[in-house]
Protein backbone atom coordinates (compact mmCIF):
# COMPACT_ATOMS: atom_id res chain seq x y z
CA MET A 1 -79.15 106.02 34.61
CA SER A 2 -77.90 104.27 31.49
CA SER A 3 -74.26 104.30 30.47
CA SER A 4 -75.13 106.17 27.28
CA SER A 5 -76.86 109.11 28.97
CA PRO A 6 -76.33 112.72 27.80
CA ALA A 7 -74.59 113.40 31.10
CA SER A 8 -72.06 110.67 30.31
CA SER A 9 -71.34 112.16 26.89
CA GLN A 10 -70.93 115.62 28.38
CA VAL A 11 -68.53 114.33 31.03
CA HIS A 12 -66.52 112.51 28.37
CA ASN A 13 -66.35 115.65 26.21
CA ASN A 14 -65.31 117.82 29.14
CA MET A 15 -62.59 115.38 30.16
CA GLN A 16 -61.33 115.11 26.59
CA SER A 17 -61.20 118.90 26.30
CA HIS A 18 -59.40 119.16 29.62
CA ARG A 19 -56.79 116.56 28.65
CA GLN A 20 -56.34 118.02 25.15
CA SER A 21 -55.66 121.45 26.61
CA SER A 22 -53.12 119.98 29.01
CA ARG A 23 -51.45 117.97 26.25
CA GLN A 24 -51.17 120.99 23.97
CA ARG A 25 -49.31 122.80 26.72
CA LEU A 26 -46.93 119.90 27.31
CA VAL A 27 -46.41 118.26 23.92
CA LEU A 28 -43.29 120.27 23.12
CA LEU A 29 -41.58 118.80 26.18
CA ALA A 30 -41.14 115.53 24.33
CA ILE A 31 -38.70 117.19 21.93
CA GLY A 32 -35.22 117.45 23.27
CA PHE A 33 -35.53 115.26 26.39
CA ALA A 34 -32.90 112.84 25.18
CA ALA A 35 -30.38 115.65 24.84
CA ALA A 36 -31.34 117.49 28.03
CA SER A 37 -28.43 118.32 30.30
CA LEU A 38 -28.42 119.18 33.97
CA ALA A 39 -27.46 122.80 33.34
CA SER A 40 -29.15 125.57 35.28
CA ILE A 41 -31.20 126.61 32.22
CA TYR A 42 -31.75 124.41 29.20
CA THR A 43 -34.19 125.10 26.35
CA LEU A 44 -36.19 122.00 25.45
CA GLY A 45 -38.84 122.72 22.85
CA PRO A 46 -38.79 124.36 19.43
CA THR A 47 -39.61 128.06 19.75
CA VAL A 48 -40.35 130.97 17.48
CA SER A 49 -40.88 134.66 18.05
CA LEU A 50 -44.36 136.09 18.05
CA ASP A 51 -42.95 138.69 15.66
CA ASP A 52 -42.00 136.02 13.10
CA SER A 53 -43.94 135.78 9.86
CA PRO A 54 -45.28 132.30 8.95
CA SER A 55 -42.47 131.83 6.42
CA SER A 56 -39.67 132.82 8.79
CA ALA A 57 -41.27 130.80 11.57
CA SER A 58 -41.39 127.73 9.35
CA ARG A 59 -37.68 128.10 8.46
CA ARG A 60 -36.78 128.46 12.13
CA LEU A 61 -38.78 125.36 13.03
CA GLN A 62 -37.30 123.38 10.13
CA THR A 63 -33.83 124.11 11.50
CA GLN A 64 -34.78 123.14 15.03
CA LEU A 65 -36.80 120.05 14.19
CA GLY A 66 -34.91 118.79 11.17
CA MET A 67 -38.08 118.30 9.15
CA TYR A 68 -40.14 120.15 6.57
CA ILE A 69 -42.71 122.59 7.98
CA ASP A 70 -45.39 123.96 5.66
CA PRO A 71 -45.57 127.76 6.23
CA LYS A 72 -49.35 127.56 5.83
CA SER A 73 -49.61 125.17 8.76
CA VAL A 74 -47.45 127.10 11.25
CA ASP A 75 -49.34 128.19 14.35
CA ILE A 76 -46.92 130.72 15.81
CA LYS A 77 -48.93 130.87 19.04
CA GLN A 78 -48.50 127.12 19.51
CA PHE A 79 -44.73 127.44 19.49
CA SER A 80 -44.55 130.59 21.62
CA GLU A 81 -43.93 128.73 24.85
CA GLU A 82 -40.46 127.90 26.13
CA HIS A 83 -39.84 124.80 28.18
CA ILE A 84 -36.69 125.07 30.27
CA TYR A 85 -34.90 123.56 33.21
CA GLN A 86 -34.58 126.33 35.76
CA ASN A 87 -32.96 125.64 39.12
CA ASN A 88 -33.21 121.95 38.24
CA ASN A 89 -36.99 122.07 37.78
CA LEU A 90 -38.95 121.58 34.59
CA VAL A 91 -40.58 124.93 33.78
CA THR A 92 -43.19 125.98 31.25
CA ALA A 93 -42.84 129.70 30.59
CA ASP A 94 -45.81 131.50 29.05
CA ILE A 95 -44.31 134.10 26.70
CA ASP A 96 -47.49 136.20 26.65
CA ASN A 97 -47.64 137.01 30.35
CA ASN A 98 -44.20 135.94 31.58
CA ASN A 99 -45.81 133.67 34.13
CA PRO A 100 -43.73 130.47 34.48
CA THR A 101 -45.39 127.35 35.86
CA ILE A 102 -43.78 124.17 37.14
CA THR A 103 -44.48 121.09 35.07
CA THR A 104 -45.03 118.07 37.30
CA TYR A 105 -43.95 114.53 36.59
CA THR A 106 -47.62 113.54 36.88
CA GLU A 107 -48.43 115.78 33.91
CA LEU A 108 -45.63 114.22 31.90
CA VAL A 109 -46.79 110.69 32.71
CA HIS A 110 -50.44 111.28 31.85
CA ASN A 111 -49.48 112.99 28.60
CA GLU A 112 -47.14 110.08 27.73
CA ILE A 113 -44.05 112.26 27.71
CA GLU A 114 -40.79 110.69 28.87
CA LEU A 115 -39.62 111.46 32.38
CA PRO A 116 -36.11 112.84 32.84
CA LYS A 117 -33.51 110.10 33.20
CA TYR A 118 -32.44 109.30 36.76
CA THR A 119 -29.78 107.24 38.51
CA LEU A 120 -29.22 105.47 41.80
CA GLN A 121 -27.58 108.55 43.30
CA GLN A 122 -30.63 110.69 42.58
CA VAL A 123 -32.90 108.13 44.26
CA ILE A 124 -30.63 108.25 47.30
CA GLU A 125 -30.82 112.04 47.41
CA GLU A 126 -34.61 111.84 47.64
CA ALA A 127 -34.28 109.88 50.89
CA LYS A 128 -32.69 112.95 52.49
CA THR A 129 -35.82 115.01 51.81
CA MET A 130 -38.13 112.62 53.73
CA ARG A 131 -38.70 112.29 57.47
CA SER A 132 -40.04 108.74 57.25
CA LYS A 133 -41.89 106.18 55.12
CA TYR A 134 -39.62 106.40 52.07
CA ALA A 135 -38.03 103.28 50.62
CA ILE A 136 -35.79 102.36 47.74
CA LEU A 137 -37.13 99.34 45.88
CA ARG A 138 -34.49 97.37 44.04
CA TYR A 139 -34.85 94.52 41.57
CA ASP A 140 -31.79 92.26 41.60
CA PRO A 141 -31.73 90.01 38.51
CA THR A 142 -29.07 87.75 40.07
CA THR A 143 -31.61 86.59 42.66
CA ASP A 144 -34.82 87.54 40.78
CA ASN A 145 -35.95 89.29 43.97
CA PHE A 146 -37.34 92.70 44.86
CA THR A 147 -35.98 94.16 48.09
CA GLY A 148 -37.05 97.30 49.92
CA TYR A 149 -34.40 99.40 51.69
CA TYR A 150 -34.97 101.99 54.40
CA TYR A 151 -32.73 104.99 54.98
CA LYS A 152 -31.01 104.71 58.36
CA ASN A 153 -31.45 108.43 59.08
CA GLU A 154 -35.24 108.20 58.74
CA ARG A 155 -37.54 107.40 61.64
CA TRP A 156 -39.25 104.02 61.67
CA VAL A 157 -42.85 104.85 62.59
CA PRO A 158 -46.10 102.86 62.95
CA GLY A 159 -47.30 104.23 59.59
CA CYS A 160 -44.56 102.23 57.88
CA TYR A 161 -47.00 99.33 57.59
CA LYS A 162 -48.63 101.28 54.75
CA LEU A 163 -45.25 101.44 53.05
CA MET A 164 -44.78 97.67 53.39
CA HIS A 165 -48.30 97.13 52.08
CA SER A 166 -47.57 99.37 49.09
CA LEU A 167 -44.25 97.70 48.27
CA SER A 168 -45.80 94.22 48.43
CA ALA A 169 -48.57 95.28 46.06
CA LEU A 170 -46.13 97.11 43.81
CA THR A 171 -43.97 94.05 43.23
CA VAL A 172 -47.04 92.07 42.15
CA LEU A 173 -48.02 94.83 39.74
CA LEU A 174 -44.53 95.11 38.26
CA ARG A 175 -44.30 91.39 37.56
CA ALA A 176 -47.86 91.18 36.23
CA ILE A 177 -47.63 94.21 33.91
CA PHE A 178 -43.98 94.02 32.82
CA PRO A 179 -43.01 90.31 33.00
CA GLU A 180 -40.35 90.70 30.30
CA ARG A 181 -38.60 93.49 32.23
CA PHE A 182 -38.11 91.57 35.47
CA THR A 183 -36.26 88.35 34.63
CA PRO A 184 -32.81 86.99 35.55
CA ASP A 185 -31.59 88.30 32.18
CA SER A 186 -32.84 91.86 32.80
CA PRO A 187 -30.79 94.82 34.04
CA GLU A 188 -31.16 95.86 37.65
CA PHE A 189 -33.80 98.42 38.56
CA ILE A 190 -34.16 101.06 41.28
CA MET A 191 -37.12 103.27 42.18
CA GLY A 192 -38.09 105.59 45.04
CA VAL A 193 -41.35 104.80 46.83
CA SER A 194 -43.15 106.48 49.72
CA SER A 195 -46.50 105.89 51.36
CA GLY A 196 -48.75 107.28 54.05
CA ASP A 197 -51.58 109.73 54.57
CA TYR A 198 -49.38 112.37 52.91
CA PRO A 199 -45.65 112.67 52.14
CA ALA A 200 -43.57 112.99 55.30
CA MET A 201 -41.25 115.72 54.02
CA VAL A 202 -38.38 117.26 55.95
CA ASP A 203 -39.11 120.80 54.75
CA GLN A 204 -42.17 121.54 56.86
CA ALA A 205 -41.61 125.30 56.74
CA CYS A 206 -42.13 125.34 52.98
CA ILE A 207 -45.41 123.46 53.30
CA TYR A 208 -46.58 125.89 55.99
CA ARG A 209 -45.99 128.67 53.46
CA ASP A 210 -48.15 126.82 50.93
CA GLN A 211 -46.00 128.12 48.10
CA ASP A 212 -46.69 127.41 44.44
CA GLY A 213 -43.16 126.39 43.44
CA PRO A 214 -40.79 123.61 44.53
CA CYS A 215 -39.81 123.49 48.17
CA ASP A 216 -36.24 122.32 47.90
CA GLU A 217 -33.54 121.07 45.61
CA VAL A 218 -31.40 117.97 45.73
CA GLU A 219 -27.83 117.42 44.70
CA GLY A 220 -27.19 116.00 41.27
CA GLY A 221 -29.55 117.94 39.05
CA LEU A 222 -33.07 116.90 38.13
CA ARG A 223 -34.90 114.92 40.75
CA ALA A 224 -35.70 111.24 40.58
CA PRO A 225 -39.41 110.39 40.43
CA VAL A 226 -41.03 109.26 43.68
CA LEU A 227 -44.18 107.14 43.59
CA HIS A 228 -46.27 108.09 46.62
CA PHE A 229 -49.03 105.65 47.56
CA GLY A 230 -51.37 108.04 49.33
CA SER A 231 -52.35 111.70 49.13
CA VAL A 232 -49.89 114.20 47.60
CA PHE A 233 -49.66 117.97 47.72
CA ARG A 234 -51.92 119.74 45.26
CA LYS A 235 -49.40 122.48 44.45
CA ALA A 236 -46.11 121.70 42.71
CA MET A 237 -44.04 121.90 45.89
CA PHE A 238 -42.58 118.47 45.07
CA PRO A 239 -43.10 118.20 41.29
CA ASN A 240 -41.30 114.85 41.03
CA MET A 241 -43.83 113.13 43.30
CA ILE A 242 -46.48 111.08 41.49
CA ALA A 243 -49.76 110.22 43.24
CA MET A 244 -50.45 106.49 43.21
CA PRO A 245 -53.48 104.54 44.47
CA MET A 246 -53.82 104.60 48.24
CA PRO A 247 -52.94 101.43 50.20
CA GLY A 248 -56.15 99.66 51.05
CA GLU A 249 -59.04 99.01 48.74
CA HIS A 250 -57.88 101.35 45.94
CA LEU A 251 -54.42 99.80 45.53
CA ASP A 252 -55.55 96.28 46.34
CA CYS A 253 -58.33 96.38 43.76
CA PHE A 254 -55.82 97.37 41.08
CA VAL A 255 -53.68 94.39 42.07
CA SER A 256 -56.72 92.15 41.80
CA TRP A 257 -57.47 93.60 38.36
CA SER A 258 -53.90 93.02 37.16
CA THR A 259 -54.15 89.30 37.89
CA SER A 260 -57.85 88.52 37.32
CA LYS A 261 -59.26 91.35 35.12
CA GLU A 262 -62.28 91.48 37.39
CA VAL A 263 -63.48 94.70 39.03
CA CYS A 264 -63.55 94.11 42.76
CA GLY A 265 -66.77 94.53 44.68
CA GLN A 266 -65.91 97.89 46.24
CA PHE A 267 -66.33 99.66 42.89
CA LYS A 268 -69.40 97.83 41.63
CA PRO A 269 -73.03 98.43 42.64
CA GLN A 270 -73.85 97.09 46.08
CA PRO A 271 -75.36 93.61 45.53
CA HIS A 272 -77.57 93.81 48.61
CA ILE A 273 -78.20 96.09 51.58
CA GLY A 274 -75.21 96.04 53.89
CA GLY A 275 -72.98 94.38 51.31
CA PRO A 276 -69.75 95.75 49.81
CA GLY A 277 -69.95 98.14 46.91
CA LEU A 278 -71.30 101.51 45.87
CA VAL A 279 -74.79 102.74 46.70
CA PHE A 280 -76.34 104.51 43.71
CA GLY A 281 -79.68 105.11 45.37
CA GLU A 282 -81.74 103.22 42.82
CA GLY A 283 -85.28 104.55 42.73
CA LEU A 284 -84.43 107.77 44.53
CA SER A 285 -85.25 111.06 42.82
CA TYR A 286 -82.87 113.99 43.29
CA ASP A 287 -85.77 116.38 43.86
CA GLU A 288 -87.16 114.22 46.66
CA LEU A 289 -83.89 113.87 48.61
CA THR A 290 -83.60 115.48 52.05
CA PRO A 291 -82.18 119.00 51.43
CA GLN A 292 -79.41 118.92 54.00
CA VAL A 293 -75.60 118.60 53.97
CA ILE A 294 -74.86 115.27 55.64
CA TRP A 295 -71.53 114.02 57.00
CA ARG A 296 -70.54 111.39 59.53
CA GLY A 297 -66.99 110.41 60.32
CA THR A 298 -64.15 110.35 62.83
CA ASP A 299 -62.80 113.19 64.97
CA PHE A 300 -59.37 112.96 63.40
CA PRO A 301 -56.38 115.34 63.04
CA TYR A 302 -55.83 117.23 59.81
CA LEU A 303 -52.37 117.45 58.19
CA ASN A 304 -51.05 117.82 61.71
CA LEU A 305 -47.35 118.04 60.81
CA PHE A 306 -47.95 121.07 58.63
CA ASN A 307 -50.42 123.25 60.53
CA SER A 308 -51.34 124.21 64.09
CA LEU A 309 -55.10 123.70 63.80
CA ASP A 310 -56.90 122.35 66.85
CA GLN A 311 -59.25 119.59 67.77
CA PRO A 312 -60.59 121.79 70.57
CA ASP A 313 -60.40 120.82 74.21
CA TYR A 314 -63.56 121.64 76.17
CA GLU A 315 -61.73 123.08 79.17
CA ASP A 316 -59.57 125.43 77.10
CA TYR A 317 -62.20 126.56 74.62
CA ILE A 318 -65.45 126.53 76.58
CA GLU A 319 -65.12 126.09 80.33
CA ASP A 320 -62.57 128.89 80.71
CA ASN A 321 -64.45 131.31 78.45
CA ILE A 322 -68.16 131.18 79.27
CA ASP A 323 -70.42 131.27 82.31
CA LEU A 324 -71.90 127.78 82.49
CA ASN A 325 -74.64 129.11 84.78
CA ALA A 326 -75.77 131.68 82.24
CA ALA A 327 -79.25 131.56 80.74
CA ASN A 328 -78.04 130.11 77.43
CA PRO A 329 -74.59 128.53 77.73
CA LEU A 330 -75.02 126.81 74.34
CA ALA A 331 -75.36 130.13 72.53
CA ASP A 332 -72.31 131.45 74.36
CA ALA A 333 -70.33 128.31 73.48
CA ILE A 334 -71.27 128.65 69.81
CA ALA A 335 -70.15 132.29 69.88
CA VAL A 336 -66.78 131.29 71.36
CA MET A 337 -66.30 128.61 68.72
CA ARG A 338 -67.18 131.08 65.96
CA GLU A 339 -64.64 133.54 67.36
CA ASN A 340 -61.98 130.81 67.22
CA TYR A 341 -63.22 129.26 63.98
CA SER A 342 -59.97 129.82 62.08
CA MET A 343 -58.03 127.83 64.70
CA LEU A 344 -60.03 124.63 64.19
CA VAL A 345 -59.47 121.63 61.95
CA PRO A 346 -62.02 121.48 59.09
CA ARG A 347 -64.11 118.72 60.65
CA TRP A 348 -64.61 120.81 63.77
CA GLN A 349 -65.35 123.82 61.59
CA GLY A 350 -68.14 121.73 60.09
CA VAL A 351 -69.44 120.99 63.60
CA VAL A 352 -69.56 124.74 64.31
CA LEU A 353 -71.51 125.31 61.08
CA THR A 354 -73.94 122.60 62.22
CA ALA A 355 -74.44 124.22 65.62
CA GLU A 356 -75.16 127.56 63.95
CA ALA A 357 -77.51 125.95 61.41
CA GLU A 358 -79.49 124.23 64.17
CA GLN A 359 -79.90 127.52 66.05
CA GLU A 360 -81.15 129.21 62.88
CA ALA A 361 -83.56 126.36 62.19
CA LEU A 362 -85.08 126.77 65.67
CA GLN A 363 -85.87 130.36 64.83
CA THR A 364 -87.49 129.53 61.48
CA ASN A 365 -88.97 126.13 62.39
CA SER A 366 -87.15 124.56 59.43
CA LEU A 367 -84.67 121.78 58.70
CA PRO A 368 -81.05 122.73 59.51
CA LYS A 369 -79.10 123.14 56.27
CA VAL A 370 -75.98 121.50 57.70
CA ASN A 371 -75.69 118.18 59.58
CA ILE A 372 -71.98 117.52 60.09
CA LYS A 373 -71.31 115.42 63.20
CA PHE A 374 -68.81 112.92 64.53
CA SER A 375 -70.01 109.34 64.54
CA SER A 376 -66.76 108.08 66.06
CA ALA A 377 -63.97 109.40 68.22
CA LYS A 378 -60.30 108.98 67.54
CA GLY A 379 -58.92 105.99 69.37
CA LYS A 380 -58.46 102.26 69.17
CA GLY A 381 -61.38 100.80 67.29
CA LYS A 382 -62.83 104.28 66.63
CA PRO A 383 -65.34 104.22 69.52
CA ALA A 384 -68.80 105.70 68.98
CA ALA A 385 -69.04 109.43 69.56
CA VAL A 386 -72.56 109.49 71.00
CA GLY A 387 -72.27 108.96 74.75
CA ASN A 388 -68.47 108.97 74.62
CA PRO A 389 -66.91 110.36 77.85
CA LYS A 390 -64.64 112.51 75.71
CA TYR A 391 -67.64 114.54 74.57
CA LYS A 392 -69.82 114.41 77.70
CA GLN A 393 -69.21 118.04 78.71
CA TRP A 394 -70.04 119.24 75.20
CA GLU A 395 -73.23 117.21 75.18
CA ASP A 396 -74.20 118.45 78.64
CA ILE A 397 -74.58 121.99 77.27
CA GLY A 398 -76.31 120.72 74.13
CA PHE A 399 -73.46 121.26 71.66
CA PRO A 400 -74.36 119.08 68.63
CA LEU A 401 -71.02 117.51 67.83
CA ALA A 402 -71.92 113.78 68.00
CA GLY A 403 -74.32 111.81 65.84
CA HIS A 404 -75.09 108.16 65.25
CA GLY A 405 -73.36 106.51 62.32
CA MET A 406 -75.30 106.08 59.10
CA PRO A 407 -75.05 103.22 56.62
CA PRO A 408 -74.60 104.36 53.01
CA GLU A 409 -78.17 103.33 52.20
CA GLU A 410 -79.43 105.95 54.65
CA MET A 411 -76.94 108.62 53.62
CA SER A 412 -77.96 108.23 49.97
CA LYS A 413 -81.35 109.74 50.85
CA PHE A 414 -79.76 113.14 51.46
CA LYS A 415 -79.40 115.74 48.73
CA TYR A 416 -76.02 117.15 49.74
CA HIS A 417 -72.79 115.44 50.79
CA ILE A 418 -69.33 116.63 51.75
CA ASP A 419 -66.02 114.72 51.95
CA ILE A 420 -64.16 116.57 54.72
CA GLY A 421 -60.47 115.67 54.73
CA GLY A 422 -58.81 113.93 57.66
CA GLY A 423 -55.25 113.05 58.54
CA GLY A 424 -53.90 113.33 55.01
CA GLY A 425 -56.21 116.14 53.96
CA THR A 426 -58.48 113.81 51.94
CA THR A 427 -60.81 110.91 52.71
CA TRP A 428 -59.32 108.17 50.46
CA THR A 429 -62.54 106.10 50.18
CA GLY A 430 -65.19 108.67 51.15
CA THR A 431 -65.09 110.70 47.96
CA THR A 432 -65.84 107.87 45.53
CA GLY A 433 -68.66 106.52 47.66
CA LYS A 434 -70.37 109.90 47.84
CA LEU A 435 -69.90 110.59 44.13
CA ALA A 436 -71.92 107.47 43.39
CA MET A 437 -74.93 108.58 45.46
CA PRO A 438 -77.76 110.50 43.78
CA GLY A 439 -77.07 113.65 45.78
CA LEU A 440 -74.62 116.48 45.06
CA LEU A 441 -71.06 116.35 46.42
CA PHE A 442 -69.46 119.44 47.93
CA HIS A 443 -65.82 118.44 47.44
CA HIS A 444 -63.41 119.64 50.12
CA ILE A 445 -60.46 121.34 48.35
CA THR A 446 -57.41 121.04 50.59
CA PRO A 447 -53.63 121.29 50.12
CA THR A 448 -53.58 117.59 49.19
CA LYS A 449 -55.25 115.40 46.58
CA ASP A 450 -55.55 111.73 45.63
CA TYR A 451 -54.85 110.12 42.26
CA ILE A 452 -58.58 109.84 41.54
CA HIS A 453 -59.07 113.61 41.91
CA ASP A 454 -57.24 114.24 38.64
CA HIS A 455 -60.16 112.59 36.84
CA LEU A 456 -62.75 114.90 38.41
CA LEU A 457 -63.68 118.41 37.31
CA PRO A 458 -65.22 121.18 39.43
CA TRP A 459 -68.77 122.12 38.49
CA VAL A 460 -68.92 118.95 36.35
CA HIS A 461 -68.60 116.21 38.98
CA TYR A 462 -68.73 118.27 42.18
CA VAL A 463 -69.10 121.73 43.67
CA PRO A 464 -65.80 122.84 45.27
CA VAL A 465 -65.66 124.24 48.80
CA GLN A 466 -62.72 125.93 50.45
CA SER A 467 -60.44 124.20 52.93
CA ASP A 468 -61.97 126.03 55.91
CA LEU A 469 -65.55 125.44 54.69
CA SER A 470 -66.12 129.21 54.83
CA ASP A 471 -68.08 129.14 51.56
CA LEU A 472 -70.14 126.02 52.28
CA ARG A 473 -73.33 127.88 53.19
CA GLU A 474 -72.97 130.04 50.07
CA LYS A 475 -72.57 126.94 47.89
CA VAL A 476 -75.58 125.27 49.51
CA ASP A 477 -77.66 128.39 48.80
CA TRP A 478 -76.48 128.23 45.17
CA ALA A 479 -77.57 124.60 44.86
CA GLU A 480 -80.95 125.42 46.39
CA THR A 481 -81.56 128.25 43.93
CA HIS A 482 -80.11 126.41 40.90
CA PRO A 483 -81.65 122.93 41.22
CA ASP A 484 -81.33 122.02 37.54
CA GLU A 485 -77.61 122.80 37.41
CA ALA A 486 -77.01 121.03 40.73
CA ARG A 487 -78.92 117.95 39.54
CA LYS A 488 -76.82 117.73 36.37
CA ILE A 489 -73.59 117.83 38.39
CA ALA A 490 -74.90 115.08 40.69
CA GLU A 491 -75.89 112.96 37.70
CA SER A 492 -72.49 113.42 36.06
CA ALA A 493 -70.76 112.25 39.24
CA THR A 494 -73.01 109.20 39.52
CA GLU A 495 -72.38 108.31 35.90
CA PHE A 496 -68.62 108.69 36.37
CA MET A 497 -68.71 106.13 39.17
CA ARG A 498 -70.94 103.76 37.16
CA GLN A 499 -68.47 103.84 34.29
CA MET A 500 -65.52 103.39 36.63
CA GLY A 501 -67.05 100.13 37.85
CA THR A 502 -67.30 98.62 34.36
CA PRO A 503 -64.46 96.48 32.93
CA GLU A 504 -63.79 99.10 30.25
CA GLY A 505 -63.84 102.00 32.68
CA TYR A 506 -61.68 100.28 35.25
CA GLU A 507 -59.14 99.22 32.62
CA ASN A 508 -58.85 102.85 31.51
CA LEU A 509 -58.24 103.91 35.10
CA PHE A 510 -55.70 101.10 35.54
CA VAL A 511 -53.75 102.16 32.46
CA GLU A 512 -53.82 105.84 33.38
CA ASP A 513 -52.95 105.58 37.08
CA VAL A 514 -50.91 102.38 37.33
CA VAL A 515 -49.45 101.33 33.98
CA LYS A 516 -48.38 104.76 32.72
CA PRO A 517 -46.62 105.88 35.92
CA LEU A 518 -44.81 102.57 36.31
CA LYS A 519 -43.74 102.48 32.66
CA GLY A 520 -42.54 106.09 32.85
CA VAL A 521 -40.37 105.36 35.89
CA ILE A 522 -39.02 102.08 34.47
CA ASP A 523 -38.05 103.72 31.17
CA ALA A 524 -36.37 106.67 32.90
CA TYR A 525 -33.98 104.62 35.06
CA VAL A 526 -30.32 104.39 34.06
CA PRO A 527 -28.88 101.16 35.57
CA GLY A 528 -25.71 101.38 37.62
CA SER A 529 -23.01 98.93 38.65
CA GLN A 530 -23.06 96.31 41.40
CA ARG A 531 -19.98 97.92 42.93
CA GLU A 532 -21.71 101.28 43.13
CA TRP A 533 -24.73 99.67 44.75
CA GLU A 534 -22.78 97.79 47.45
CA LYS A 535 -20.64 100.82 48.28
CA VAL A 536 -23.64 103.04 48.94
CA PHE A 537 -26.08 100.70 50.63
CA LYS A 538 -23.87 99.01 53.17
CA LYS A 539 -23.33 102.41 54.73
CA SER A 540 -26.69 104.19 54.54
CA PHE A 541 -29.55 101.76 53.99
CA GLU A 542 -31.09 98.74 55.70
CA PRO A 543 -33.22 96.06 53.97
CA PHE A 544 -36.67 95.67 55.52
CA ILE A 545 -38.81 93.74 53.05
CA GLU A 546 -38.08 91.14 50.37
CA CYS A 547 -40.43 89.98 47.62
CA PRO A 548 -39.12 86.95 45.72
CA ASN A 549 -40.57 85.62 42.51
CA GLY A 550 -42.92 82.68 42.73
CA ASP A 551 -46.02 82.52 44.87
CA VAL A 552 -46.32 86.14 46.01
CA GLY A 553 -48.76 87.07 43.26
CA LYS A 554 -50.88 84.00 43.95
CA LEU A 555 -50.87 84.54 47.69
CA PHE A 556 -51.69 88.22 47.49
CA ARG A 557 -55.30 89.03 48.36
CA TRP A 558 -56.89 92.42 47.85
CA GLN A 559 -58.71 92.49 51.16
CA ALA A 560 -57.74 95.38 53.46
CA THR A 561 -55.80 92.98 55.70
CA MET A 562 -53.06 91.15 53.85
CA LYS A 563 -52.55 87.67 55.26
CA HIS A 564 -49.70 86.94 52.89
CA MET A 565 -47.17 89.73 52.58
CA CYS A 566 -43.62 89.48 51.39
CA LYS A 567 -41.00 88.47 53.94
CA LYS A 568 -40.52 91.49 56.16
CA TRP A 569 -38.53 92.64 59.14
CA GLU A 570 -38.21 95.96 60.88
CA PRO A 571 -34.82 97.53 60.25
CA LYS A 572 -32.51 98.06 63.19
CA LEU A 573 -32.08 101.76 62.65
CA SER A 574 -29.56 103.78 64.59
């Protein structure tokens, strides 16, 4: 597929329309930010009444904006939204239906609207909302060093290595993109950073409720921005949290780009079979692909801090509930799993759908529509699932939960793919790889999302499926009966990934998802005093990583394993 295909133009137009609509809703936020106070309610944008005539509306706007407004050009509807701070959150209130929505800091950043100003104290307050893996990154111009500090009341957990990885990469990016900001003559700088599969928030009860609005408030007014390197919550439960590239190949490739301006191999076409890169299935026709939903992956937990879903135990689910000496124990086991379907993590729900699909296919002598199986078990080294003692009892009754792993070249021959979320609710690398393939992606919509998901549109780049996969069969039936529409979506996704792997496409992604967030946070910080810093940090925070100027950028490598990381030490937390 060429880069100038009709599908590419349509994708570009859809994305432009999507961004324009979002910008129209947010553009008024830019007016009044400098004067915004931390009051409970504060009107930001210029507003008029829907009952105003064009002439009266223009006079009202002239007063508010301090500039001439031509009555003929006034779009009263455009100015009929109020933007307010309510309970210390940025709110967009739709006057027509009185349905307020929370404006996230991500929306502000991508629409190039200034973030609310923040101070050291607000960054400290954010530490109290996190269970673990939150750090304060400080640039000290007197030493020309970046240092990461960990809150003593937070747990130090194994996942903190992702935080250290993110901070090391972040310091390289900051120096590479903003060299004039980080010099011995610059003011100090503070930012809040977290990392991990998903944000480790204290308020688990709020996340269980899956509410649309913010979960909690912090002292001191508007919240400081937090850059989270990993998956973030899809709803605006923590509107100040900005999704950043995930530690690993996504983040590391952006670091490589910042220093070399070369797209790393993971996002370019695979140079040879078995090599790094994306598999576009050259020479494969969509209509000739195997019409089956394919998935292979690890039997992994799913957002386990915020739900009670199971990775089922054979003894509890099967052995205690069926007669193993019955004529058809497999059918009985499938019935038990269907009865308890809502209690399972999504990957196991996919296994149940596979078992049901295989039973149906036996009756019709056809290919099962679903082929979702574990290729590896959770554990050190992710051992193979087939023949694994953990699954022996399941396999003894013929339950089809384990399958051999498939290289991407083999998977690209299937017509339908799905990216079932794991520990953080997403797959991090799985989605982009499957978008590139010639088949159609059924994208798993979960409570979390990655930075890259904001560039993708449902029914343009993928077909959405619910978190519990309950509509997967319905969506597969749609694709089977609407092959032309399904093919166009698959082609749009493939073209998106082709463009992403070009220098121009990757630079656009770099600006949107690295440069803009970092610039927004840098510009929003209000420097404090050295005395204030020392008073606070000696009591509550412990340094755990230091990134001096000099060779760090040269030593940094974008491979998954970093051989040269900044000087680090685990904090001695009480």
